[in-house]
């Protein structure tokens, strides 16, 4: 968001985890809607700092972006919206791609 909370993203993630959050939906406002890829550096920093699942959000534009968020960014899952809304990718297509690359997929 736009409001400063006086701590960096890793501190914030640890704080919400300590307060009982079961997962973190991590959205990069800079990448959101760009279809240029997730903020891998931020995703990795948060995923390595907490024990709860981290869902990468903001920036999905290709199948490879999703794969990279899970493998390089260590996200537990990915969220995508505009690529589905505008028919650029299908949910089944994404699941098949990730599964073929060795990523566990929920049915």
N, C-alpha and C. Protein backbone atom coordinates (compact mmCIF):
# COMPACT_ATOMS: atom_id res chain seq x y z
N UNK A 1 0.80 -1.18 0.00
CA UNK A 1 0.00 0.00 0.00
C UNK A 1 0.85 1.25 0.00
N UNK A 2 0.19 2.33 0.12
CA UNK A 2 0.82 3.64 0.08
C UNK A 2 1.17 4.16 1.47
N UNK A 3 0.64 3.56 2.51
CA UNK A 3 0.88 4.04 3.86
C UNK A 3 2.09 3.36 4.47
N UNK A 4 3.05 4.18 4.90
CA UNK A 4 4.25 3.64 5.54
C UNK A 4 3.89 3.03 6.90
N UNK A 5 4.44 1.87 7.17
CA UNK A 5 4.16 1.20 8.45
C UNK A 5 5.39 1.17 9.35
N UNK A 6 6.48 1.75 8.88
CA UNK A 6 7.68 1.85 9.70
C UNK A 6 8.50 0.58 9.78
N UNK A 7 8.30 -0.36 8.86
CA UNK A 7 9.12 -1.57 8.83
C UNK A 7 9.20 -2.07 7.39
N UNK A 8 10.26 -2.81 7.09
CA UNK A 8 10.38 -3.32 5.73
C UNK A 8 9.50 -4.56 5.56
N UNK A 9 9.44 -5.04 4.34
CA UNK A 9 8.52 -6.14 4.01
C UNK A 9 8.82 -7.41 4.79
N UNK A 10 10.10 -7.71 5.02
CA UNK A 10 10.45 -8.92 5.77
C UNK A 10 10.03 -8.78 7.22
N UNK A 11 10.27 -7.63 7.82
CA UNK A 11 9.80 -7.40 9.20
C UNK A 11 8.29 -7.54 9.28
N UNK A 12 7.59 -6.96 8.30
CA UNK A 12 6.13 -7.01 8.29
C UNK A 12 5.65 -8.46 8.17
N UNK A 13 6.27 -9.23 7.29
CA UNK A 13 5.89 -10.63 7.11
C UNK A 13 6.08 -11.42 8.40
N UNK A 14 7.21 -11.22 9.05
CA UNK A 14 7.45 -11.91 10.33
C UNK A 14 6.43 -11.49 11.38
N UNK A 15 6.06 -10.22 11.37
CA UNK A 15 5.08 -9.70 12.33
C UNK A 15 3.72 -10.36 12.12
N UNK A 16 3.24 -10.40 10.89
CA UNK A 16 1.92 -10.98 10.66
C UNK A 16 1.94 -12.49 10.92
N UNK A 17 3.06 -13.13 10.66
CA UNK A 17 3.19 -14.55 10.99
C UNK A 17 3.09 -14.73 12.51
N UNK A 18 3.77 -13.88 13.27
CA UNK A 18 3.74 -13.99 14.73
C UNK A 18 2.36 -13.70 15.31
N UNK A 19 1.56 -12.95 14.56
CA UNK A 19 0.19 -12.64 15.00
C UNK A 19 -0.81 -13.72 14.61
N UNK A 20 -0.32 -14.76 13.91
CA UNK A 20 -1.18 -15.89 13.59
C UNK A 20 -1.62 -16.02 12.14
N UNK A 21 -1.09 -15.21 11.24
CA UNK A 21 -1.45 -15.36 9.83
C UNK A 21 -1.11 -16.77 9.37
N UNK A 22 -1.99 -17.36 8.58
CA UNK A 22 -1.77 -18.71 8.08
C UNK A 22 -1.06 -18.75 6.75
N UNK A 23 -1.07 -17.62 6.06
CA UNK A 23 -0.39 -17.49 4.78
C UNK A 23 -0.27 -16.01 4.46
N UNK A 24 0.59 -15.69 3.51
CA UNK A 24 0.77 -14.30 3.10
C UNK A 24 0.50 -14.19 1.60
N UNK A 25 -0.44 -13.34 1.23
CA UNK A 25 -0.68 -13.00 -0.16
C UNK A 25 0.17 -11.77 -0.44
N UNK A 26 1.27 -11.97 -1.14
CA UNK A 26 2.29 -10.94 -1.33
C UNK A 26 2.16 -10.32 -2.72
N UNK A 27 1.67 -9.10 -2.77
CA UNK A 27 1.46 -8.42 -4.04
C UNK A 27 2.45 -7.28 -4.21
N UNK A 28 3.13 -7.27 -5.32
CA UNK A 28 4.01 -6.15 -5.66
C UNK A 28 3.18 -5.11 -6.38
N UNK A 29 2.98 -3.97 -5.74
CA UNK A 29 2.18 -2.92 -6.39
C UNK A 29 2.89 -2.39 -7.63
N UNK A 30 4.21 -2.48 -7.66
CA UNK A 30 4.95 -2.01 -8.83
C UNK A 30 4.80 -2.96 -10.03
N UNK A 31 4.66 -4.24 -9.77
CA UNK A 31 4.55 -5.23 -10.85
C UNK A 31 3.10 -5.53 -11.22
N UNK A 32 2.17 -5.26 -10.32
CA UNK A 32 0.77 -5.61 -10.52
C UNK A 32 0.22 -5.01 -11.81
N UNK A 33 -0.34 -5.86 -12.65
CA UNK A 33 -0.95 -5.43 -13.89
C UNK A 33 0.01 -5.21 -15.05
N UNK A 34 1.29 -5.36 -14.82
CA UNK A 34 2.28 -5.10 -15.87
C UNK A 34 2.49 -6.28 -16.81
N UNK A 35 2.23 -7.48 -16.32
CA UNK A 35 2.50 -8.73 -17.04
C UNK A 35 3.99 -8.88 -17.34
N UNK A 36 4.83 -8.21 -16.54
CA UNK A 36 6.27 -8.26 -16.73
C UNK A 36 6.98 -9.21 -15.79
N UNK A 37 6.22 -9.95 -15.00
CA UNK A 37 6.81 -10.90 -14.06
C UNK A 37 6.62 -10.47 -12.62
N UNK A 38 6.64 -11.44 -11.74
CA UNK A 38 6.51 -11.19 -10.31
C UNK A 38 7.78 -10.53 -9.78
N UNK A 39 7.69 -9.90 -8.62
CA UNK A 39 8.88 -9.35 -7.96
C UNK A 39 9.56 -10.52 -7.24
N UNK A 40 10.46 -11.17 -7.96
CA UNK A 40 11.11 -12.39 -7.46
C UNK A 40 11.96 -12.09 -6.23
N UNK A 41 12.69 -11.00 -6.25
CA UNK A 41 13.55 -10.65 -5.12
C UNK A 41 12.73 -10.48 -3.83
N UNK A 42 11.62 -9.78 -3.91
CA UNK A 42 10.77 -9.58 -2.74
C UNK A 42 10.14 -10.90 -2.30
N UNK A 43 9.67 -11.67 -3.26
CA UNK A 43 9.04 -12.95 -2.94
C UNK A 43 10.01 -13.87 -2.23
N UNK A 44 11.21 -13.96 -2.74
CA UNK A 44 12.23 -14.81 -2.14
C UNK A 44 12.57 -14.35 -0.73
N UNK A 45 12.74 -13.05 -0.54
CA UNK A 45 13.08 -12.52 0.78
C UNK A 45 12.01 -12.88 1.81
N UNK A 46 10.75 -12.74 1.45
CA UNK A 46 9.67 -13.06 2.38
C UNK A 46 9.56 -14.56 2.58
N UNK A 47 9.61 -15.34 1.50
CA UNK A 47 9.47 -16.79 1.61
C UNK A 47 10.56 -17.40 2.50
N UNK A 48 11.76 -16.85 2.43
CA UNK A 48 12.84 -17.37 3.25
C UNK A 48 12.77 -16.89 4.71
N UNK A 49 11.98 -15.86 4.96
CA UNK A 49 11.90 -15.28 6.30
C UNK A 49 10.79 -15.86 7.17
N UNK A 50 9.81 -16.53 6.54
CA UNK A 50 8.67 -17.05 7.30
C UNK A 50 8.49 -18.54 7.05
N UNK A 51 7.71 -19.16 7.91
CA UNK A 51 7.43 -20.59 7.77
C UNK A 51 6.08 -20.85 7.12
N UNK A 52 5.24 -19.83 7.03
CA UNK A 52 3.90 -19.98 6.44
C UNK A 52 3.98 -19.83 4.92
N UNK A 53 2.98 -20.35 4.20
CA UNK A 53 2.99 -20.23 2.75
C UNK A 53 2.96 -18.77 2.28
N UNK A 54 3.67 -18.51 1.19
CA UNK A 54 3.68 -17.19 0.57
C UNK A 54 3.14 -17.35 -0.85
N UNK A 55 2.10 -16.56 -1.17
CA UNK A 55 1.50 -16.59 -2.50
C UNK A 55 1.98 -15.35 -3.26
N UNK A 56 2.68 -15.57 -4.36
CA UNK A 56 3.17 -14.46 -5.18
C UNK A 56 2.02 -13.89 -6.00
N UNK A 57 1.94 -12.57 -6.03
CA UNK A 57 0.87 -11.89 -6.77
C UNK A 57 1.42 -10.63 -7.41
N UNK A 58 0.90 -10.32 -8.59
CA UNK A 58 1.26 -9.08 -9.26
C UNK A 58 2.36 -9.26 -10.28
N UNK A 59 1.99 -9.23 -11.56
CA UNK A 59 2.98 -9.26 -12.62
C UNK A 59 2.95 -10.46 -13.55
N UNK A 60 2.09 -11.43 -13.27
CA UNK A 60 2.06 -12.63 -14.12
C UNK A 60 1.71 -12.27 -15.56
N UNK A 61 2.56 -12.69 -16.47
CA UNK A 61 2.30 -12.45 -17.88
C UNK A 61 2.54 -13.67 -18.74
N UNK A 62 3.36 -14.59 -18.23
CA UNK A 62 3.68 -15.80 -18.99
C UNK A 62 3.70 -17.01 -18.06
N UNK A 63 3.69 -18.16 -18.66
CA UNK A 63 3.82 -19.40 -17.90
C UNK A 63 5.15 -19.43 -17.16
N UNK A 64 6.20 -18.96 -17.81
CA UNK A 64 7.52 -18.96 -17.21
C UNK A 64 7.57 -18.06 -15.97
N UNK A 65 6.84 -16.95 -15.98
CA UNK A 65 6.79 -16.08 -14.80
C UNK A 65 6.29 -16.87 -13.59
N UNK A 66 5.27 -17.68 -13.80
CA UNK A 66 4.69 -18.45 -12.70
C UNK A 66 5.68 -19.50 -12.20
N UNK A 67 6.32 -20.17 -13.13
CA UNK A 67 7.33 -21.16 -12.77
C UNK A 67 8.47 -20.51 -11.98
N UNK A 68 8.95 -19.38 -12.46
CA UNK A 68 10.05 -18.68 -11.81
C UNK A 68 9.68 -18.24 -10.38
N UNK A 69 8.44 -17.80 -10.19
CA UNK A 69 8.02 -17.37 -8.84
C UNK A 69 8.08 -18.53 -7.85
N UNK A 70 7.74 -19.72 -8.30
CA UNK A 70 7.76 -20.89 -7.41
C UNK A 70 9.19 -21.41 -7.22
N UNK A 71 9.93 -21.52 -8.29
CA UNK A 71 11.26 -22.13 -8.21
C UNK A 71 12.31 -21.15 -7.68
N UNK A 72 12.42 -20.01 -8.29
CA UNK A 72 13.43 -19.03 -7.88
C UNK A 72 12.96 -18.20 -6.69
N UNK A 73 11.70 -17.80 -6.71
CA UNK A 73 11.16 -16.97 -5.63
C UNK A 73 10.69 -17.76 -4.42
N UNK A 74 10.65 -19.08 -4.54
CA UNK A 74 10.22 -19.97 -3.47
C UNK A 74 8.80 -19.70 -2.97
N UNK A 75 7.95 -19.18 -3.86
CA UNK A 75 6.55 -18.99 -3.51
C UNK A 75 5.87 -20.35 -3.37
N UNK A 76 4.95 -20.44 -2.45
CA UNK A 76 4.18 -21.67 -2.27
C UNK A 76 3.12 -21.82 -3.35
N UNK A 77 2.69 -20.69 -3.89
CA UNK A 77 1.66 -20.66 -4.92
C UNK A 77 1.77 -19.32 -5.64
N UNK A 78 1.07 -19.22 -6.76
CA UNK A 78 1.02 -17.96 -7.50
C UNK A 78 -0.42 -17.57 -7.74
N UNK A 79 -0.63 -16.28 -7.83
CA UNK A 79 -1.93 -15.72 -8.17
C UNK A 79 -1.77 -14.98 -9.48
N UNK A 80 -2.71 -15.14 -10.36
CA UNK A 80 -2.72 -14.41 -11.63
C UNK A 80 -4.16 -14.02 -11.92
N UNK A 81 -4.34 -12.90 -12.59
CA UNK A 81 -5.70 -12.46 -12.88
C UNK A 81 -5.86 -12.02 -14.33
N UNK A 82 -5.16 -10.96 -14.73
CA UNK A 82 -5.42 -10.38 -16.05
C UNK A 82 -5.16 -11.35 -17.19
N UNK A 83 -4.19 -12.24 -17.06
CA UNK A 83 -3.92 -13.21 -18.13
C UNK A 83 -5.10 -14.16 -18.32
N UNK A 84 -5.87 -14.37 -17.26
CA UNK A 84 -7.07 -15.19 -17.37
C UNK A 84 -8.27 -14.36 -17.85
N UNK A 85 -8.43 -13.16 -17.29
CA UNK A 85 -9.55 -12.30 -17.67
C UNK A 85 -9.56 -11.98 -19.16
N UNK A 86 -8.37 -11.78 -19.72
CA UNK A 86 -8.28 -11.41 -21.13
C UNK A 86 -8.02 -12.60 -22.05
N UNK A 87 -8.11 -13.82 -21.49
CA UNK A 87 -8.01 -15.02 -22.29
C UNK A 87 -6.63 -15.33 -22.84
N UNK A 88 -5.60 -14.75 -22.26
CA UNK A 88 -4.24 -15.00 -22.75
C UNK A 88 -3.71 -16.36 -22.32
N UNK A 89 -4.15 -16.82 -21.16
CA UNK A 89 -3.81 -18.14 -20.64
C UNK A 89 -5.06 -18.77 -20.05
N UNK A 90 -5.08 -20.09 -20.02
CA UNK A 90 -6.17 -20.80 -19.36
C UNK A 90 -5.66 -21.48 -18.10
N UNK A 91 -6.53 -21.67 -17.14
CA UNK A 91 -6.13 -22.30 -15.88
C UNK A 91 -5.57 -23.69 -16.14
N UNK A 92 -6.24 -24.47 -16.97
CA UNK A 92 -5.76 -25.81 -17.30
C UNK A 92 -4.39 -25.78 -17.95
N UNK A 93 -4.17 -24.82 -18.82
CA UNK A 93 -2.88 -24.67 -19.48
C UNK A 93 -1.76 -24.41 -18.46
N UNK A 94 -2.05 -23.54 -17.51
CA UNK A 94 -1.06 -23.23 -16.47
C UNK A 94 -0.77 -24.46 -15.63
N UNK A 95 -1.81 -25.16 -15.22
CA UNK A 95 -1.61 -26.36 -14.40
C UNK A 95 -0.80 -27.41 -15.14
N UNK A 96 -1.10 -27.64 -16.40
CA UNK A 96 -0.35 -28.64 -17.19
C UNK A 96 1.11 -28.24 -17.33
N UNK A 97 1.36 -26.98 -17.60
CA UNK A 97 2.72 -26.48 -17.76
C UNK A 97 3.53 -26.66 -16.48
N UNK A 98 2.97 -26.21 -15.37
CA UNK A 98 3.70 -26.30 -14.11
C UNK A 98 3.91 -27.75 -13.69
N UNK A 99 2.89 -28.57 -13.88
CA UNK A 99 3.02 -29.99 -13.53
C UNK A 99 4.10 -30.66 -14.38
N UNK A 100 4.15 -30.34 -15.67
CA UNK A 100 5.17 -30.90 -16.56
C UNK A 100 6.57 -30.46 -16.16
N UNK A 101 6.68 -29.32 -15.48
CA UNK A 101 7.97 -28.80 -15.03
C UNK A 101 8.30 -29.26 -13.61
N UNK A 102 7.46 -30.15 -13.06
CA UNK A 102 7.75 -30.74 -11.76
C UNK A 102 7.17 -30.01 -10.56
N UNK A 103 6.28 -29.06 -10.79
CA UNK A 103 5.65 -28.32 -9.69
C UNK A 103 4.39 -29.05 -9.25
N UNK A 104 4.24 -29.38 -7.96
CA UNK A 104 3.02 -30.04 -7.49
C UNK A 104 1.81 -29.11 -7.68
N UNK A 105 0.73 -29.66 -8.21
CA UNK A 105 -0.47 -28.90 -8.53
C UNK A 105 -1.67 -29.50 -7.80
N UNK A 106 -2.50 -28.64 -7.22
CA UNK A 106 -3.77 -29.10 -6.64
C UNK A 106 -4.74 -29.42 -7.76
N UNK A 107 -5.50 -30.46 -7.58
CA UNK A 107 -6.48 -30.85 -8.61
C UNK A 107 -7.66 -29.92 -8.64
